[in-house]
């Protein structure tokens, strides 16, 4: 057995164990990873994604995705990526199946479950919402709450990260009794494939690019996951690890979906001309003669674009799997740099970069998008100020205190009280955040 095969087996030996639970449990009708998927899809935090922004806030067009439909589509792509990558690797290293009993179908469901949850920690207003939380805690109004916290705890709030919020949501269900550990109690495999940034926040990089995968409050759960999946330490600190290889496929599923599908949504909204998206998708899809004939017979431009999008995504899945399997040594060693889609070679890679550039210019910088992002910079700090005050002075700010669900009023330490308020505000949908902002300012009152 080769060293490469051994590394794959060691990393997969703990994937079916569950955080916070000993023993197999469950039932025989579903695999471990299918149960993970079902736990996520019935989770209230997942349902709230239906009113969180993907491209435009609360779009009136049914063709346009919200964060929920984006997550479902990403899970579908993730299932194909996981299955196809495992199929190629198992053929190359047959010992993997013999030693682990895991099938390519299992790996498809594992990546799919992680991809389903990949945006579950996103605050209202997307990445601008993350920036708004961080900016608030770097301002005098928010910084005063951070007294007595250690540098890492302060940095969690001053560099708020949706990926870390997602890990907390999955592993620490609000209001659970202390003896119920692990939140949804997902498998270590699904959690590992979810963790895009297997490291803690860097306090020295506050205010700079500072991506990380867990808050200080979930450090213990991260370490359990990392040890179960043989994620090796990259430095003297145990809190910076190599990425679980299958997380690259979760990332690729997201990259493929937001690159291609945001571009398609831009077309439906009138930001991208039909001829432009047709040319880009045709170049990526590379339809054969028979499929080209079917495409020509379709009755509408929307149907034509939908057909091309399906074949474009299918081809990109194959290209991403090729990159993943060809780079297995670097991925296992922790020396692979960039994302799988960044490494798609030749003309296909150039077209993807062009699509991203055009999306940035014509979609993400569209006035409707910019107005929504600007609103987040006003709404989120306002709500944080109210609910932080309620956590620290509940008698004085009684109305706000009582409006917080009991599960967000459980923290006893300063850090956990701040986290209660932050997680409550960032759990809101865009629509709920705006509604409460209007209510509290007397702009729009309930039942009036």
Protein backbone atom coordinates (compact mmCIF):
# COMPACT_ATOMS: atom_id res chain seq x y z
CA UNK A 1 0.00 0.00 0.00
CA UNK A 2 1.44 3.39 -1.02
CA UNK A 3 1.97 6.32 1.31
CA UNK A 4 -0.71 8.26 -0.62
CA UNK A 5 -3.24 5.48 -0.11
CA UNK A 6 -2.41 5.36 3.58
CA UNK A 7 -2.96 9.12 3.94
CA UNK A 8 -6.39 8.85 2.32
CA UNK A 9 -7.36 5.97 4.63
CA UNK A 10 -6.15 7.74 7.78
CA UNK A 11 -8.13 10.85 6.88
CA UNK A 12 -11.28 8.84 6.22
CA UNK A 13 -11.15 6.48 9.21
CA UNK A 14 -13.16 8.80 11.46
CA UNK A 15 -15.63 10.34 9.02
CA UNK A 16 -18.70 8.41 10.19
CA UNK A 17 -18.25 9.19 13.89
CA UNK A 18 -20.46 11.96 15.26
CA UNK A 19 -19.52 15.04 17.25
CA UNK A 20 -20.92 14.72 20.77
CA UNK A 21 -22.15 11.16 20.38
CA UNK A 22 -20.57 7.77 20.93
CA UNK A 23 -21.66 4.62 19.11
CA UNK A 24 -23.29 4.14 15.70
CA UNK A 25 -26.95 4.97 16.43
CA UNK A 26 -29.35 5.87 13.64
CA UNK A 27 -31.17 3.47 11.35
CA UNK A 28 -30.35 1.25 8.42
CA UNK A 29 -32.55 3.08 5.92
CA UNK A 30 -30.15 6.03 5.60
CA UNK A 31 -26.39 6.37 5.63
CA UNK A 32 -24.63 8.56 8.20
CA UNK A 33 -24.24 11.32 5.63
CA UNK A 34 -27.84 11.09 4.42
CA UNK A 35 -28.90 11.63 8.04
CA UNK A 36 -26.59 14.67 8.18
CA UNK A 37 -28.29 16.07 5.09
CA UNK A 38 -31.74 15.53 6.58
CA UNK A 39 -30.79 17.14 9.91
CA UNK A 40 -29.60 20.24 8.09
CA UNK A 41 -32.54 20.55 5.71
CA UNK A 42 -35.09 20.40 8.56
CA UNK A 43 -33.09 22.87 10.69
CA UNK A 44 -34.73 26.27 11.31
CA UNK A 45 -31.43 28.06 10.66
CA UNK A 46 -31.43 26.52 7.18
CA UNK A 47 -35.00 27.60 6.45
CA UNK A 48 -34.12 31.21 7.25
CA UNK A 49 -31.88 31.27 4.19
CA UNK A 50 -34.99 31.68 2.03
CA UNK A 51 -35.08 35.40 2.86
CA UNK A 52 -31.34 36.02 2.74
CA UNK A 53 -29.80 37.73 -0.25
CA UNK A 54 -27.96 35.84 -2.97
CA UNK A 55 -27.76 38.47 -5.75
CA UNK A 56 -30.64 40.86 -5.04
CA UNK A 57 -32.72 41.27 -1.86
CA UNK A 58 -36.13 39.55 -1.82
CA UNK A 59 -36.32 39.29 -5.62
CA UNK A 60 -39.79 39.34 -7.18
CA UNK A 61 -38.68 37.19 -10.09
CA UNK A 62 -39.17 33.47 -9.52
CA UNK A 63 -36.22 32.63 -11.77
CA UNK A 64 -33.81 34.47 -9.45
CA UNK A 65 -32.20 32.54 -6.58
CA UNK A 66 -32.19 33.37 -2.91
CA UNK A 67 -29.63 31.98 -0.46
CA UNK A 68 -31.80 28.88 0.16
CA UNK A 69 -32.14 27.86 -3.49
CA UNK A 70 -28.44 28.59 -4.00
CA UNK A 71 -27.63 26.22 -1.12
CA UNK A 72 -29.85 23.46 -2.53
CA UNK A 73 -28.22 23.78 -5.95
CA UNK A 74 -24.75 23.81 -4.38
CA UNK A 75 -25.62 20.60 -2.50
CA UNK A 76 -26.62 18.97 -5.79
CA UNK A 77 -23.34 19.92 -7.44
CA UNK A 78 -21.44 18.84 -4.32
CA UNK A 79 -22.99 15.37 -4.51
CA UNK A 80 -21.72 14.92 -8.08
CA UNK A 81 -18.27 16.24 -7.20
CA UNK A 82 -17.92 13.96 -4.18
CA UNK A 83 -19.12 10.89 -6.06
CA UNK A 84 -16.97 11.39 -9.16
CA UNK A 85 -13.84 12.31 -7.23
CA UNK A 86 -14.18 9.25 -4.99
CA UNK A 87 -14.88 7.01 -7.98
CA UNK A 88 -11.61 8.06 -9.64
CA UNK A 89 -9.62 7.80 -6.40
CA UNK A 90 -11.08 4.41 -5.43
CA UNK A 91 -10.13 3.06 -8.87
CA UNK A 92 -6.60 4.38 -8.35
CA UNK A 93 -6.41 3.22 -4.70
CA UNK A 94 -8.72 0.18 -4.29
CA UNK A 95 -7.44 -0.31 -0.72
CA UNK A 96 -9.50 2.73 0.36
CA UNK A 97 -12.76 0.84 0.01
CA UNK A 98 -11.36 -2.38 1.40
CA UNK A 99 -10.08 -0.62 4.54
CA UNK A 100 -12.89 1.92 5.14
CA UNK A 101 -16.00 0.37 3.57
CA UNK A 102 -16.88 3.81 2.20
CA UNK A 103 -18.32 3.98 -1.32
CA UNK A 104 -18.26 6.85 -3.84
CA UNK A 105 -21.98 7.26 -3.11
CA UNK A 106 -21.14 7.83 0.57
CA UNK A 107 -18.62 10.50 -0.34
CA UNK A 108 -21.12 12.19 -2.64
CA UNK A 109 -23.64 12.47 0.21
CA UNK A 110 -20.96 13.70 2.61
CA UNK A 111 -19.89 16.57 0.35
CA UNK A 112 -23.54 17.28 -0.46
CA UNK A 113 -24.43 17.67 3.22
CA UNK A 114 -21.52 20.04 3.80
CA UNK A 115 -22.42 22.04 0.69
CA UNK A 116 -26.04 22.26 1.82
CA UNK A 117 -24.89 24.00 5.01
CA UNK A 118 -22.08 26.09 3.52
CA UNK A 119 -23.93 29.44 3.84
CA UNK A 120 -25.82 28.73 7.06
CA UNK A 121 -23.75 31.25 9.01
CA UNK A 122 -24.18 34.12 6.58
CA UNK A 123 -25.57 37.27 8.25
CA UNK A 124 -28.20 39.51 6.65
CA UNK A 125 -26.86 41.41 3.62
CA UNK A 126 -24.23 38.76 2.84
CA UNK A 127 -20.55 39.63 3.00
CA UNK A 128 -21.38 43.29 3.60
CA UNK A 129 -23.18 42.11 6.72
CA UNK A 130 -19.94 40.51 7.93
CA UNK A 131 -18.15 43.81 7.36
CA UNK A 132 -20.87 45.72 9.20
CA UNK A 133 -20.53 43.52 12.31
CA UNK A 134 -16.73 43.85 12.26
CA UNK A 135 -16.85 47.62 11.77
CA UNK A 136 -19.30 48.02 14.65
CA UNK A 137 -16.96 46.28 17.10
CA UNK A 138 -14.03 48.39 15.89
CA UNK A 139 -16.05 51.55 16.62
CA UNK A 140 -16.32 53.15 20.09
CA UNK A 141 -19.97 52.00 20.36
CA UNK A 142 -19.00 48.34 20.03
CA UNK A 143 -15.44 48.30 21.34
CA UNK A 144 -16.54 49.21 24.86
CA UNK A 145 -18.19 45.80 25.16
CA UNK A 146 -14.89 44.04 24.44
CA UNK A 147 -13.12 45.13 27.62
CA UNK A 148 -11.51 42.25 29.54
CA UNK A 149 -11.67 39.87 26.56
CA UNK A 150 -8.43 38.25 25.45
CA UNK A 151 -7.00 39.22 22.01
CA UNK A 152 -8.47 36.17 20.26
CA UNK A 153 -11.94 36.73 21.71
CA UNK A 154 -11.85 40.41 20.71
CA UNK A 155 -10.73 39.43 17.21
CA UNK A 156 -13.70 37.06 16.79
CA UNK A 157 -15.99 40.10 16.87
CA UNK A 158 -13.74 42.65 15.18
CA UNK A 159 -13.22 40.24 12.25
CA UNK A 160 -16.64 38.58 12.18
CA UNK A 161 -16.63 35.55 9.89
CA UNK A 162 -19.73 33.83 8.52
CA UNK A 163 -17.88 30.51 8.17
CA UNK A 164 -17.12 30.49 11.90
CA UNK A 165 -20.73 31.45 12.65
CA UNK A 166 -21.85 28.51 10.53
CA UNK A 167 -19.64 26.10 12.47
CA UNK A 168 -21.11 27.43 15.73
CA UNK A 169 -24.69 27.03 14.42
CA UNK A 170 -24.03 23.42 13.40
CA UNK A 171 -22.20 22.42 16.57
CA UNK A 172 -23.86 24.45 19.34
CA UNK A 173 -27.66 24.60 19.12
CA UNK A 174 -28.82 27.66 21.15
CA UNK A 175 -30.52 26.74 24.42
CA UNK A 176 -29.46 23.09 24.51
CA UNK A 177 -28.71 21.80 28.05
CA UNK A 178 -24.96 21.58 28.82
CA UNK A 179 -25.04 17.78 28.75
CA UNK A 180 -26.18 17.75 25.10
CA UNK A 181 -22.96 18.35 23.20
CA UNK A 182 -22.41 18.89 19.51
CA UNK A 183 -25.49 20.78 18.30
CA UNK A 184 -26.89 18.82 15.35
CA UNK A 185 -24.35 16.08 16.12
CA UNK A 186 -23.24 15.84 12.52
CA UNK A 187 -20.58 13.39 11.41
CA UNK A 188 -16.96 14.49 11.55
CA UNK A 189 -16.79 13.91 7.80
CA UNK A 190 -19.53 16.42 7.05
CA UNK A 191 -18.08 18.94 9.52
CA UNK A 192 -14.61 18.54 8.00
CA UNK A 193 -15.95 19.07 4.49
CA UNK A 194 -17.75 22.18 5.78
CA UNK A 195 -14.63 23.81 7.32
CA UNK A 196 -13.16 25.95 4.55
CA UNK A 197 -10.63 27.70 6.79
CA UNK A 198 -9.22 25.25 9.40
CA UNK A 199 -7.65 27.88 11.62
CA UNK A 200 -8.56 30.35 14.36
CA UNK A 201 -8.68 34.13 13.92
CA UNK A 202 -5.37 36.00 13.83
CA UNK A 203 -5.60 39.03 16.16
CA UNK A 204 -2.58 40.61 14.45
CA UNK A 205 -4.58 40.88 11.22
CA UNK A 206 -7.60 42.71 12.62
CA UNK A 207 -9.01 44.95 9.92
CA UNK A 208 -7.24 42.99 7.16
CA UNK A 209 -8.19 39.84 5.28
CA UNK A 210 -8.56 37.40 8.15
CA UNK A 211 -10.42 34.23 7.18
CA UNK A 212 -10.96 31.56 9.81
CA UNK A 213 -13.30 28.66 10.49
CA UNK A 214 -14.36 28.72 14.15
CA UNK A 215 -14.84 31.08 17.08
CA UNK A 216 -12.95 30.67 20.35
CA UNK A 217 -16.12 29.23 21.87
CA UNK A 218 -16.03 26.28 19.42
CA UNK A 219 -12.27 25.66 19.60
CA UNK A 220 -12.82 22.35 21.42
CA UNK A 221 -15.22 21.10 18.72
CA UNK A 222 -12.79 22.08 15.98
CA UNK A 223 -9.97 20.16 17.66
CA UNK A 224 -12.17 17.06 18.01
CA UNK A 225 -13.03 17.27 14.32
CA UNK A 226 -9.42 17.83 13.26
CA UNK A 227 -8.14 14.90 15.32
CA UNK A 228 -10.87 12.56 14.04
CA UNK A 229 -9.94 13.41 10.44
CA UNK A 230 -6.13 13.41 10.85
CA UNK A 231 -5.90 17.10 9.90
CA UNK A 232 -2.26 17.84 10.70
CA UNK A 233 -1.01 20.97 12.48
CA UNK A 234 0.74 23.44 10.16
CA UNK A 235 2.48 25.37 12.95
CA UNK A 236 3.30 24.94 16.62
CA UNK A 237 -0.33 25.86 17.33
CA UNK A 238 -2.88 23.01 17.23
CA UNK A 239 -5.47 25.52 15.99
CA UNK A 240 -4.11 25.82 12.46
CA UNK A 241 -4.49 22.62 10.44
CA UNK A 242 -4.32 21.21 6.95
CA UNK A 243 -7.69 21.31 5.24
CA UNK A 244 -9.74 18.12 5.13
CA UNK A 245 -9.33 17.24 1.41
CA UNK A 246 -13.06 16.93 0.71
CA UNK A 247 -13.58 20.56 1.76
CA UNK A 248 -12.00 21.51 -1.58
CA UNK A 249 -14.97 19.88 -3.29
CA UNK A 250 -17.49 21.74 -1.10
CA UNK A 251 -15.70 24.96 -2.04
CA UNK A 252 -15.76 23.99 -5.72
CA UNK A 253 -19.50 23.31 -5.59
CA UNK A 254 -20.07 26.82 -4.23
CA UNK A 255 -17.65 28.40 -6.71
CA UNK A 256 -19.29 26.70 -9.69
CA UNK A 257 -22.79 27.64 -8.57
CA UNK A 258 -22.23 31.27 -7.72
CA UNK A 259 -20.06 31.86 -10.80
CA UNK A 260 -22.47 30.31 -13.29
CA UNK A 261 -25.81 30.82 -11.57
CA UNK A 262 -25.26 34.42 -10.45
CA UNK A 263 -24.39 35.14 -14.08
CA UNK A 264 -27.62 33.45 -15.17
CA UNK A 265 -29.60 35.47 -12.59
CA UNK A 266 -27.97 38.59 -14.01
CA UNK A 267 -29.36 37.59 -17.39
CA UNK A 268 -32.88 37.07 -15.98
CA UNK A 269 -32.71 40.50 -14.35
CA UNK A 270 -31.66 42.16 -17.60
CA UNK A 271 -28.09 42.95 -16.53
CA UNK A 272 -26.42 40.51 -18.97
CA UNK A 273 -27.53 40.37 -22.65
CA UNK A 274 -28.72 37.05 -24.07
CA UNK A 275 -25.99 37.00 -26.71
CA UNK A 276 -23.26 37.52 -24.12
CA UNK A 277 -24.32 34.73 -21.74
CA UNK A 278 -25.05 32.41 -24.67
CA UNK A 279 -21.51 32.84 -26.01
CA UNK A 280 -19.87 32.25 -22.63
CA UNK A 281 -21.98 29.22 -21.75
CA UNK A 282 -21.56 27.72 -25.23
CA UNK A 283 -17.80 28.01 -24.96
CA UNK A 284 -17.82 26.28 -21.56
CA UNK A 285 -20.47 23.63 -22.30
CA UNK A 286 -18.96 22.46 -25.61
CA UNK A 287 -22.15 20.82 -26.80
CA UNK A 288 -21.78 17.93 -29.22
CA UNK A 289 -23.71 17.83 -32.50
CA UNK A 290 -26.74 16.01 -31.04
CA UNK A 291 -27.09 18.35 -28.04
CA UNK A 292 -26.60 21.39 -30.26
CA UNK A 293 -29.55 20.16 -32.31
CA UNK A 294 -31.69 19.90 -29.17
CA UNK A 295 -30.59 23.39 -28.10
CA UNK A 296 -31.61 24.88 -31.45
CA UNK A 297 -35.08 23.32 -31.12
CA UNK A 298 -35.85 24.94 -27.74
CA UNK A 299 -38.71 27.48 -27.99
CA UNK A 300 -37.42 30.39 -25.89
CA UNK A 301 -34.24 32.20 -24.95
CA UNK A 302 -34.76 31.33 -21.27
CA UNK A 303 -35.00 27.61 -22.09
CA UNK A 304 -31.88 27.87 -24.24
CA UNK A 305 -29.89 29.50 -21.44
CA UNK A 306 -31.16 26.94 -18.91
CA UNK A 307 -30.04 24.10 -21.17
CA UNK A 308 -26.60 25.63 -21.65
CA UNK A 309 -26.25 26.31 -17.92
CA UNK A 310 -26.96 22.66 -17.08
CA UNK A 311 -24.29 21.41 -19.48
CA UNK A 312 -21.84 24.11 -18.39
CA UNK A 313 -22.12 23.06 -14.75
CA UNK A 314 -21.80 19.39 -15.72
CA UNK A 315 -18.57 20.05 -17.61
CA UNK A 316 -17.12 22.23 -14.83
CA UNK A 317 -17.80 19.42 -12.35
CA UNK A 318 -15.63 17.12 -14.47
CA UNK A 319 -12.87 19.71 -14.78
CA UNK A 320 -12.83 20.36 -11.02
CA UNK A 321 -12.66 16.61 -10.30
CA UNK A 322 -9.69 16.34 -12.67
CA UNK A 323 -7.84 19.09 -10.79
CA UNK A 324 -8.66 17.46 -7.43
CA UNK A 325 -7.48 13.98 -8.36
CA UNK A 326 -4.37 15.20 -10.19
CA UNK A 327 -3.34 17.34 -7.21
CA UNK A 328 -3.93 14.64 -4.57
CA UNK A 329 -0.33 14.67 -3.29
CA UNK A 330 -0.32 18.43 -2.70
CA UNK A 331 -3.83 18.36 -1.21
CA UNK A 332 -2.91 15.60 1.24
CA UNK A 333 0.36 17.35 2.14
CA UNK A 334 -1.41 20.67 2.77
CA UNK A 335 0.64 22.44 0.10
CA UNK A 336 -2.10 22.91 -2.52
CA UNK A 337 -2.75 26.61 -3.08
CA UNK A 338 -5.91 28.24 -4.38
CA UNK A 339 -9.27 26.68 -5.17
CA UNK A 340 -10.00 23.87 -7.63
CA UNK A 341 -11.83 26.24 -10.00
CA UNK A 342 -8.92 28.71 -9.88
CA UNK A 343 -6.72 25.90 -11.19
CA UNK A 344 -8.90 24.91 -14.16
CA UNK A 345 -6.44 25.36 -17.03
CA UNK A 346 -6.53 26.93 -20.47
CA UNK A 347 -9.44 28.62 -22.20
CA UNK A 348 -11.99 27.30 -19.70
CA UNK A 349 -10.20 28.99 -16.82
CA UNK A 350 -9.98 32.24 -18.78
CA UNK A 351 -13.71 32.19 -19.54
CA UNK A 352 -14.53 31.60 -15.86
CA UNK A 353 -12.41 34.60 -14.88
CA UNK A 354 -14.18 36.72 -17.51
CA UNK A 355 -17.59 35.67 -16.20
CA UNK A 356 -16.56 36.60 -12.65
CA UNK A 357 -15.24 39.96 -13.82
CA UNK A 358 -18.43 40.76 -15.71
CA UNK A 359 -20.55 39.68 -12.73
CA UNK A 360 -18.57 42.05 -10.53
CA UNK A 361 -19.13 44.95 -12.90
CA UNK A 362 -22.68 44.37 -14.09
CA UNK A 363 -24.33 42.48 -11.20
CA UNK A 364 -22.55 43.01 -7.88
CA UNK A 365 -22.06 46.73 -8.60
CA UNK A 366 -25.62 47.26 -9.81
CA UNK A 367 -27.39 50.11 -7.93
CA UNK A 368 -30.01 47.74 -6.47
CA UNK A 369 -27.27 45.57 -4.99
CA UNK A 370 -25.28 48.54 -3.70
CA UNK A 371 -28.38 50.04 -2.04
CA UNK A 372 -29.02 46.78 -0.22
CA UNK A 373 -25.42 46.58 0.97
CA UNK A 374 -25.52 50.20 2.12
CA UNK A 375 -28.69 49.48 4.11
CA UNK A 376 -26.88 46.71 5.95
CA UNK A 377 -24.28 49.18 7.20
CA UNK A 378 -27.09 51.09 8.94
CA UNK A 379 -29.41 48.29 10.00
CA UNK A 380 -26.92 45.82 11.53
CA UNK A 381 -25.07 48.26 13.85
CA UNK A 382 -28.42 49.64 15.05
CA UNK A 383 -29.72 46.16 15.96
CA UNK A 384 -26.43 45.13 17.56
CA UNK A 385 -26.46 48.20 19.79
CA UNK A 386 -30.01 47.50 20.99
CA UNK A 387 -29.56 43.81 21.71
CA UNK A 388 -26.11 44.15 23.27
CA UNK A 389 -27.59 46.71 25.66
CA UNK A 390 -30.39 44.25 26.41
CA UNK A 391 -27.94 41.44 27.24
CA UNK A 392 -25.92 43.58 29.64
CA UNK A 393 -28.75 45.69 31.13
CA UNK A 394 -31.94 43.61 30.75
CA UNK A 395 -33.97 45.62 33.26
CA UNK A 396 -33.19 48.94 31.61
CA UNK A 397 -33.81 47.61 28.07
CA UNK A 398 -36.63 45.25 28.98
CA UNK A 399 -38.51 45.34 25.65
CA UNK A 400 -35.41 44.38 23.64
CA UNK A 401 -34.48 41.76 26.22
CA UNK A 402 -37.90 40.08 25.98
CA UNK A 403 -37.85 40.22 22.18
CA UNK A 404 -34.75 38.03 22.17
CA UNK A 405 -35.68 34.33 22.15
CA UNK A 406 -34.72 32.59 25.43
CA UNK A 407 -32.05 30.52 23.68
CA UNK A 408 -30.15 33.76 22.92
CA UNK A 409 -30.21 34.81 26.60
CA UNK A 410 -28.15 31.99 28.05
CA UNK A 411 -24.58 33.32 28.11
CA UNK A 412 -23.00 34.07 31.49
CA UNK A 413 -19.54 35.39 30.60
CA UNK A 414 -18.96 38.71 28.84
CA UNK A 415 -17.81 36.88 25.71
CA UNK A 416 -20.91 34.66 25.60
CA UNK A 417 -23.30 37.56 26.24
CA UNK A 418 -21.79 39.41 23.30
CA UNK A 419 -21.99 36.23 21.23
CA UNK A 420 -25.69 35.85 22.16
CA UNK A 421 -26.49 39.27 20.70
CA UNK A 422 -24.28 38.80 17.64
CA UNK A 423 -25.65 35.38 16.76
CA UNK A 424 -29.23 36.58 17.24
CA UNK A 425 -28.81 39.58 14.95
CA UNK A 426 -26.83 37.67 12.32
CA UNK A 427 -29.37 34.83 12.35
CA UNK A 428 -32.01 37.21 11.00
CA UNK A 429 -33.03 37.22 7.37
CA UNK A 430 -32.56 40.45 5.43
CA UNK A 431 -36.31 40.97 5.54
CA UNK A 432 -36.58 40.48 9.32
CA UNK A 433 -33.63 42.78 10.03
CA UNK A 434 -35.12 45.60 7.95
CA UNK A 435 -38.58 45.03 9.46
CA UNK A 436 -37.27 45.31 13.03
CA UNK A 437 -35.16 48.34 12.17
CA UNK A 438 -38.29 50.08 10.84
CA UNK A 439 -40.36 48.98 13.86
CA UNK A 440 -37.84 50.24 16.40
CA UNK A 441 -37.47 53.58 14.62
CA UNK A 442 -41.23 54.12 14.29
CA UNK A 443 -41.01 54.06 10.48
CA UNK A 444 -43.33 51.08 10.21
CA UNK A 445 -45.22 49.71 13.21
CA UNK A 446 -46.67 46.20 13.42
CA UNK A 447 -50.47 46.06 12.97
CA UNK A 448 -50.73 49.77 12.05
